[in-house]
């Protein structure tokens, strides 16, 4: 997994497929924005006409149904060109960046590494899961690592509530440990409820800041204490916790760190805003460079 630097950024921008997209994206973006407003206005006018005409005819229920269909259909049709322009830049750029790092990039429709084993212990029951933007590879010893985006939802009444949205850092560990450990946000009085029956609550003595923000449970408490003896690891988890929720799963063979984020990473930015192609590539470049730095750090400390 190579590091990304300024030289790599210049090389990526110069690649044939990427350079072509950089040169054409602004004109394509403007055309897509014009199409967006035309189709949105058309959908709104059709929705209003259908609503008024059917209401005057006394067909109240069909009026609202047909009006909603025209409005939603217009919005969907309006956003398609913008999405095509965005993906037209995003895909070749992230493919090129992954190759530069010795990784493979998969945009969607993949089996999220480690997540299946960690899911029930970290989140319990979920109603909806989506995963995008997987970057994965293996080191010289054949142990894999990956970073990808996740959005998890849980049913609350009749609606779904987002319980996690951010990055997943997955690592294949060296053999040597035997227990399973999880680190979850502090839940106050709910901390008495353990993620699994055979787990014990583990306290990290002498680090009040960590104790206030996290709870640790493990089937092997001594292993968990030994792992979290690292001040640097605790500081890194606390730093990520400042941005949002952080959860960790550790088994004898795998590790998963889930870090909530306030932004959707690996994206070229809003298509409603005028920006140069290079700026958009730099945004994706910086997002990936930062995520890979975090992945490398967790690989050193947890792998």
Protein backbone atom coordinates (compact mmCIF):
# COMPACT_ATOMS: atom_id res chain seq x y z
CA UNK A 1 0.00 0.00 0.00
CA UNK A 2 1.93 3.02 -1.30
CA UNK A 3 1.48 6.50 0.16
CA UNK A 4 -0.09 9.26 -1.91
CA UNK A 5 1.97 12.44 -2.35
CA UNK A 6 2.03 15.51 -4.59
CA UNK A 7 3.87 13.60 -7.30
CA UNK A 8 1.19 10.92 -7.36
CA UNK A 9 -1.49 13.61 -7.68
CA UNK A 10 0.19 15.06 -10.77
CA UNK A 11 0.55 11.62 -12.33
CA UNK A 12 -3.11 10.80 -11.74
CA UNK A 13 -4.26 14.09 -13.29
CA UNK A 14 -2.09 13.36 -16.34
CA UNK A 15 -3.48 9.87 -16.97
CA UNK A 16 -5.36 9.78 -20.25
CA UNK A 17 -8.82 8.87 -18.99
CA UNK A 18 -8.59 11.27 -16.05
CA UNK A 19 -7.16 14.19 -18.06
CA UNK A 20 -10.00 13.91 -20.57
CA UNK A 21 -12.61 14.02 -17.81
CA UNK A 22 -10.90 16.98 -16.12
CA UNK A 23 -11.00 18.91 -19.39
CA UNK A 24 -14.65 18.28 -20.14
CA UNK A 25 -16.36 18.15 -16.75
CA UNK A 26 -17.14 21.86 -16.38
CA UNK A 27 -18.98 22.13 -19.70
CA UNK A 28 -20.80 18.86 -19.00
CA UNK A 29 -21.69 20.07 -15.51
CA UNK A 30 -23.22 23.30 -16.82
CA UNK A 31 -25.29 21.38 -19.38
CA UNK A 32 -26.46 18.95 -16.69
CA UNK A 33 -27.47 21.81 -14.37
CA UNK A 34 -29.52 23.41 -17.17
CA UNK A 35 -31.21 20.06 -17.79
CA UNK A 36 -31.89 19.74 -14.07
CA UNK A 37 -33.79 23.02 -13.89
CA UNK A 38 -35.72 22.39 -17.11
CA UNK A 39 -36.83 18.91 -16.05
CA UNK A 40 -37.60 20.03 -12.50
CA UNK A 41 -39.76 22.89 -13.77
CA UNK A 42 -41.51 20.59 -16.25
CA UNK A 43 -42.26 18.06 -13.52
CA UNK A 44 -43.59 20.81 -11.25
CA UNK A 45 -45.86 22.23 -13.97
CA UNK A 46 -47.21 18.81 -14.88
CA UNK A 47 -47.80 18.01 -11.22
CA UNK A 48 -49.69 21.30 -10.69
CA UNK A 49 -51.76 20.83 -13.86
CA UNK A 50 -52.71 17.25 -12.93
CA UNK A 51 -53.53 18.24 -9.37
CA UNK A 52 -55.76 21.20 -10.32
CA UNK A 53 -57.58 19.49 -13.17
CA UNK A 54 -58.38 16.35 -11.19
CA UNK A 55 -59.42 18.33 -8.11
CA UNK A 56 -61.83 20.36 -10.24
CA UNK A 57 -63.25 17.08 -11.55
CA UNK A 58 -63.81 15.94 -7.97
CA UNK A 59 -61.19 13.18 -8.03
CA UNK A 60 -59.28 14.13 -4.90
CA UNK A 61 -57.30 10.94 -4.24
CA UNK A 62 -56.14 10.42 -7.86
CA UNK A 63 -55.25 14.12 -7.99
CA UNK A 64 -52.72 13.87 -5.17
CA UNK A 65 -51.35 10.52 -6.36
CA UNK A 66 -50.81 11.66 -9.95
CA UNK A 67 -49.46 15.04 -8.83
CA UNK A 68 -46.92 13.32 -6.59
CA UNK A 69 -45.88 10.96 -9.38
CA UNK A 70 -45.25 13.83 -11.81
CA UNK A 71 -43.30 15.79 -9.18
CA UNK A 72 -41.13 12.84 -8.05
CA UNK A 73 -40.62 11.67 -11.62
CA UNK A 74 -39.47 15.13 -12.66
CA UNK A 75 -36.96 15.30 -9.80
CA UNK A 76 -35.57 11.83 -10.58
CA UNK A 77 -35.26 12.63 -14.28
CA UNK A 78 -33.60 15.95 -13.44
CA UNK A 79 -30.89 14.41 -11.23
CA UNK A 80 -29.83 11.67 -13.67
CA UNK A 81 -27.58 13.89 -15.86
CA UNK A 82 -25.88 15.35 -12.76
CA UNK A 83 -25.19 11.85 -11.41
CA UNK A 84 -23.76 10.73 -14.74
CA UNK A 85 -21.37 13.69 -14.84
CA UNK A 86 -20.26 13.06 -11.25
CA UNK A 87 -19.69 9.34 -11.77
CA UNK A 88 -17.95 10.04 -15.07
CA UNK A 89 -15.17 11.79 -13.13
CA UNK A 90 -15.26 9.81 -9.89
CA UNK A 91 -14.82 6.31 -11.32
CA UNK A 92 -11.68 6.89 -13.42
CA UNK A 93 -10.06 9.03 -10.72
CA UNK A 94 -10.60 6.49 -7.92
CA UNK A 95 -9.54 3.64 -10.21
CA UNK A 96 -6.31 5.51 -11.01
CA UNK A 97 -5.65 6.38 -7.35
CA UNK A 98 -6.18 2.77 -6.29
CA UNK A 99 -3.72 1.52 -8.91
CA UNK A 100 -1.15 4.05 -7.71
CA UNK A 101 -1.47 2.62 -4.19
CA UNK A 102 -1.37 -1.01 -5.28
CA UNK A 103 -5.03 -1.49 -4.34
CA UNK A 104 -8.26 -2.50 -6.07
CA UNK A 105 -11.25 -0.14 -6.13
CA UNK A 106 -14.85 -1.41 -6.21
CA UNK A 107 -17.59 1.22 -6.34
CA UNK A 108 -20.50 -0.90 -5.02
CA UNK A 109 -22.02 -4.39 -4.83
CA UNK A 110 -19.27 -5.99 -2.74
CA UNK A 111 -19.16 -8.11 0.40
CA UNK A 112 -17.88 -5.72 3.12
CA UNK A 113 -14.73 -7.16 4.74
CA UNK A 114 -15.02 -8.20 8.42
CA UNK A 115 -18.37 -6.40 8.81
CA UNK A 116 -20.41 -9.62 8.84
CA UNK A 117 -18.61 -10.90 11.94
CA UNK A 118 -18.72 -7.56 13.79
CA UNK A 119 -22.29 -6.50 12.92
CA UNK A 120 -24.28 -8.09 15.75
CA UNK A 121 -21.78 -7.17 18.49
CA UNK A 122 -21.43 -3.52 17.47
CA UNK A 123 -24.91 -2.63 16.21
CA UNK A 124 -27.35 -5.44 16.97
CA UNK A 125 -30.41 -5.52 14.72
CA UNK A 126 -30.40 -3.35 11.60
CA UNK A 127 -33.04 -2.79 8.94
CA UNK A 128 -30.97 -1.42 6.06
CA UNK A 129 -27.27 -1.54 5.09
CA UNK A 130 -25.43 -0.01 2.15
CA UNK A 131 -21.71 -0.06 1.31
CA UNK A 132 -19.74 1.89 -1.29
CA UNK A 133 -16.21 2.79 -2.36
CA UNK A 134 -14.11 -0.19 -1.30
CA UNK A 135 -10.31 0.05 -1.52
CA UNK A 136 -8.60 -3.20 -0.62
CA UNK A 137 -5.32 -5.05 -0.98
CA UNK A 138 -2.82 -7.27 0.82
CA UNK A 139 0.63 -6.75 2.31
CA UNK A 140 3.79 -8.70 1.51
CA UNK A 141 2.73 -11.42 3.97
CA UNK A 142 -0.65 -11.81 2.30
CA UNK A 143 -2.74 -10.21 5.07
CA UNK A 144 -5.54 -8.10 3.70
CA UNK A 145 -6.71 -4.63 4.68
CA UNK A 146 -9.47 -2.40 3.36
CA UNK A 147 -11.35 0.86 3.80
CA UNK A 148 -14.89 1.48 2.60
CA UNK A 149 -17.96 3.62 3.24
CA UNK A 150 -21.00 2.32 5.13
CA UNK A 151 -24.49 3.59 5.91
CA UNK A 152 -26.49 1.60 8.48
CA UNK A 153 -30.11 2.12 9.49
CA UNK A 154 -32.40 0.74 12.17
CA UNK A 155 -36.18 0.62 12.22
CA UNK A 156 -37.80 3.16 14.54
CA UNK A 157 -41.57 3.03 14.37
CA UNK A 158 -42.53 3.26 10.71
CA UNK A 159 -39.31 4.88 9.56
CA UNK A 160 -35.60 4.03 9.34
CA UNK A 161 -33.08 5.97 11.42
CA UNK A 162 -29.42 6.24 10.41
CA UNK A 163 -27.31 4.77 13.24
CA UNK A 164 -23.97 4.94 11.43
CA UNK A 165 -22.56 6.69 8.37
CA UNK A 166 -18.82 6.79 7.79
CA UNK A 167 -15.70 4.75 7.12
CA UNK A 168 -14.95 1.13 7.94
CA UNK A 169 -11.29 0.12 8.37
CA UNK A 170 -10.90 -3.66 8.06
CA UNK A 171 -7.67 -5.51 8.90
CA UNK A 172 -6.54 -9.12 8.82
CA UNK A 173 -4.53 -9.67 12.02
CA UNK A 174 -1.46 -11.71 12.86
CA UNK A 175 -2.24 -14.86 14.87
CA UNK A 176 -1.58 -14.76 18.59
CA UNK A 177 -4.70 -13.57 20.43
CA UNK A 178 -7.62 -15.75 21.53
CA UNK A 179 -10.38 -13.43 22.72
CA UNK A 180 -12.96 -11.15 21.15
CA UNK A 181 -12.98 -7.50 22.22
CA UNK A 182 -15.33 -4.65 21.32
CA UNK A 183 -14.98 -0.94 22.03
CA UNK A 184 -18.21 1.05 21.83
CA UNK A 185 -19.31 4.58 22.76
CA UNK A 186 -20.14 5.08 26.43
CA UNK A 187 -23.87 4.46 27.02
CA UNK A 188 -24.10 5.72 30.63
CA UNK A 189 -26.42 3.49 32.68
CA UNK A 190 -26.93 1.13 29.71
CA UNK A 191 -23.30 -0.02 30.06
CA UNK A 192 -24.55 -2.86 32.26
CA UNK A 193 -25.91 -4.56 29.12
CA UNK A 194 -23.02 -6.48 27.56
CA UNK A 195 -22.77 -7.07 23.79
CA UNK A 196 -22.51 -10.83 24.47
CA UNK A 197 -23.12 -13.01 27.49
CA UNK A 198 -19.52 -14.29 27.74
CA UNK A 199 -17.97 -10.80 27.68
CA UNK A 200 -16.72 -8.84 30.67
CA UNK A 201 -16.59 -5.08 31.04
CA UNK A 202 -12.98 -3.86 31.01
CA UNK A 203 -11.95 -0.61 32.68
CA UNK A 204 -8.89 1.36 31.54
CA UNK A 205 -7.51 2.74 34.77
CA UNK A 206 -5.80 6.13 34.76
CA UNK A 207 -7.37 7.44 31.52
CA UNK A 208 -10.51 9.31 32.55
CA UNK A 209 -10.95 10.89 29.10
CA UNK A 210 -11.06 7.47 27.44
CA UNK A 211 -13.35 6.05 30.13
CA UNK A 212 -15.83 8.90 29.65
CA UNK A 213 -16.10 8.33 25.90
CA UNK A 214 -15.78 4.55 25.49
CA UNK A 215 -16.75 1.24 27.02
CA UNK A 216 -14.66 -1.89 26.47
CA UNK A 217 -16.00 -5.46 26.66
CA UNK A 218 -13.96 -8.62 26.08
CA UNK A 219 -13.95 -12.39 26.40
CA UNK A 220 -10.25 -12.00 27.31
CA UNK A 221 -9.94 -8.95 29.60
CA UNK A 222 -6.15 -9.22 29.98
CA UNK A 223 -5.70 -9.13 26.20
CA UNK A 224 -7.93 -6.07 25.97
CA UNK A 225 -5.97 -4.26 28.71
CA UNK A 226 -2.69 -5.14 27.01
CA UNK A 227 -3.95 -3.78 23.69
CA UNK A 228 -5.23 -0.54 25.20
CA UNK A 229 -2.05 -0.06 27.22
CA UNK A 230 -0.94 1.85 24.09
CA UNK A 231 -1.48 5.54 24.83
CA UNK A 232 -1.19 6.36 21.11
CA UNK A 233 -4.03 3.99 20.21
CA UNK A 234 -6.30 5.48 22.87
CA UNK A 235 -5.46 9.01 21.68
CA UNK A 236 -6.22 8.07 18.07
CA UNK A 237 -9.61 6.66 19.01
CA UNK A 238 -10.38 9.76 21.06
CA UNK A 239 -9.39 12.01 18.15
CA UNK A 240 -11.75 10.14 15.82
CA UNK A 241 -14.46 10.28 18.51
CA UNK A 242 -14.38 14.08 18.30
CA UNK A 243 -15.85 13.83 14.79
CA UNK A 244 -18.46 11.22 15.65
CA UNK A 245 -19.21 7.72 16.83
CA UNK A 246 -16.34 5.19 16.86
CA UNK A 247 -16.69 1.42 17.31
CA UNK A 248 -14.02 -1.31 17.28
CA UNK A 249 -14.25 -5.08 16.83
CA UNK A 250 -11.27 -7.37 17.45
CA UNK A 251 -11.13 -11.13 16.99
CA UNK A 252 -8.11 -13.45 16.82
CA UNK A 253 -7.97 -13.04 13.03
CA UNK A 254 -9.68 -9.74 12.18
CA UNK A 255 -10.20 -6.14 13.26
CA UNK A 256 -12.78 -3.57 12.22
CA UNK A 257 -12.76 0.12 13.18
CA UNK A 258 -15.92 2.03 12.29
CA UNK A 259 -15.51 5.82 12.40
CA UNK A 260 -18.51 8.04 11.81
CA UNK A 261 -17.91 11.01 9.50
CA UNK A 262 -19.70 14.30 8.93
CA UNK A 263 -18.95 14.16 5.19
CA UNK A 264 -19.42 11.71 2.36
CA UNK A 265 -15.86 10.98 1.29
CA UNK A 266 -14.38 9.96 -2.06
CA UNK A 267 -16.77 12.31 -3.91
CA UNK A 268 -15.96 15.04 -6.47
CA UNK A 269 -18.19 17.60 -4.78
CA UNK A 270 -21.54 19.19 -5.64
CA UNK A 271 -22.32 19.48 -9.34
CA UNK A 272 -24.28 22.68 -8.66
CA UNK A 273 -21.05 24.48 -7.77
CA UNK A 274 -18.54 25.56 -10.40
CA UNK A 275 -15.07 24.14 -9.65
CA UNK A 276 -12.16 23.13 -11.81
CA UNK A 277 -11.61 19.46 -12.58
CA UNK A 278 -8.27 19.55 -10.75
CA UNK A 279 -9.97 20.83 -7.58
CA UNK A 280 -12.44 17.97 -7.71
CA UNK A 281 -9.69 15.41 -8.23
CA UNK A 282 -7.71 16.95 -5.33
CA UNK A 283 -10.72 16.57 -3.03
CA UNK A 284 -10.95 12.84 -3.77
CA UNK A 285 -7.15 12.52 -3.57
CA UNK A 286 -7.06 14.12 -0.10
CA UNK A 287 -9.97 11.98 1.13
CA UNK A 288 -8.26 8.77 0.07
CA UNK A 289 -4.83 9.83 1.33
CA UNK A 290 -6.29 10.60 4.77
CA UNK A 291 -8.24 7.35 4.92
CA UNK A 292 -5.23 5.27 3.91
CA UNK A 293 -3.09 7.01 6.54
CA UNK A 294 -5.68 6.02 9.16
CA UNK A 295 -5.84 2.46 7.80
CA UNK A 296 -2.04 2.14 7.97
CA UNK A 297 -2.01 3.40 11.55
CA UNK A 298 -4.64 0.91 12.69
CA UNK A 299 -2.85 -1.86 10.80
CA UNK A 300 0.33 -1.11 12.77
CA UNK A 301 -1.48 -1.07 16.10
CA UNK A 302 -4.11 -3.76 15.62
CA UNK A 303 -2.69 -6.00 12.88
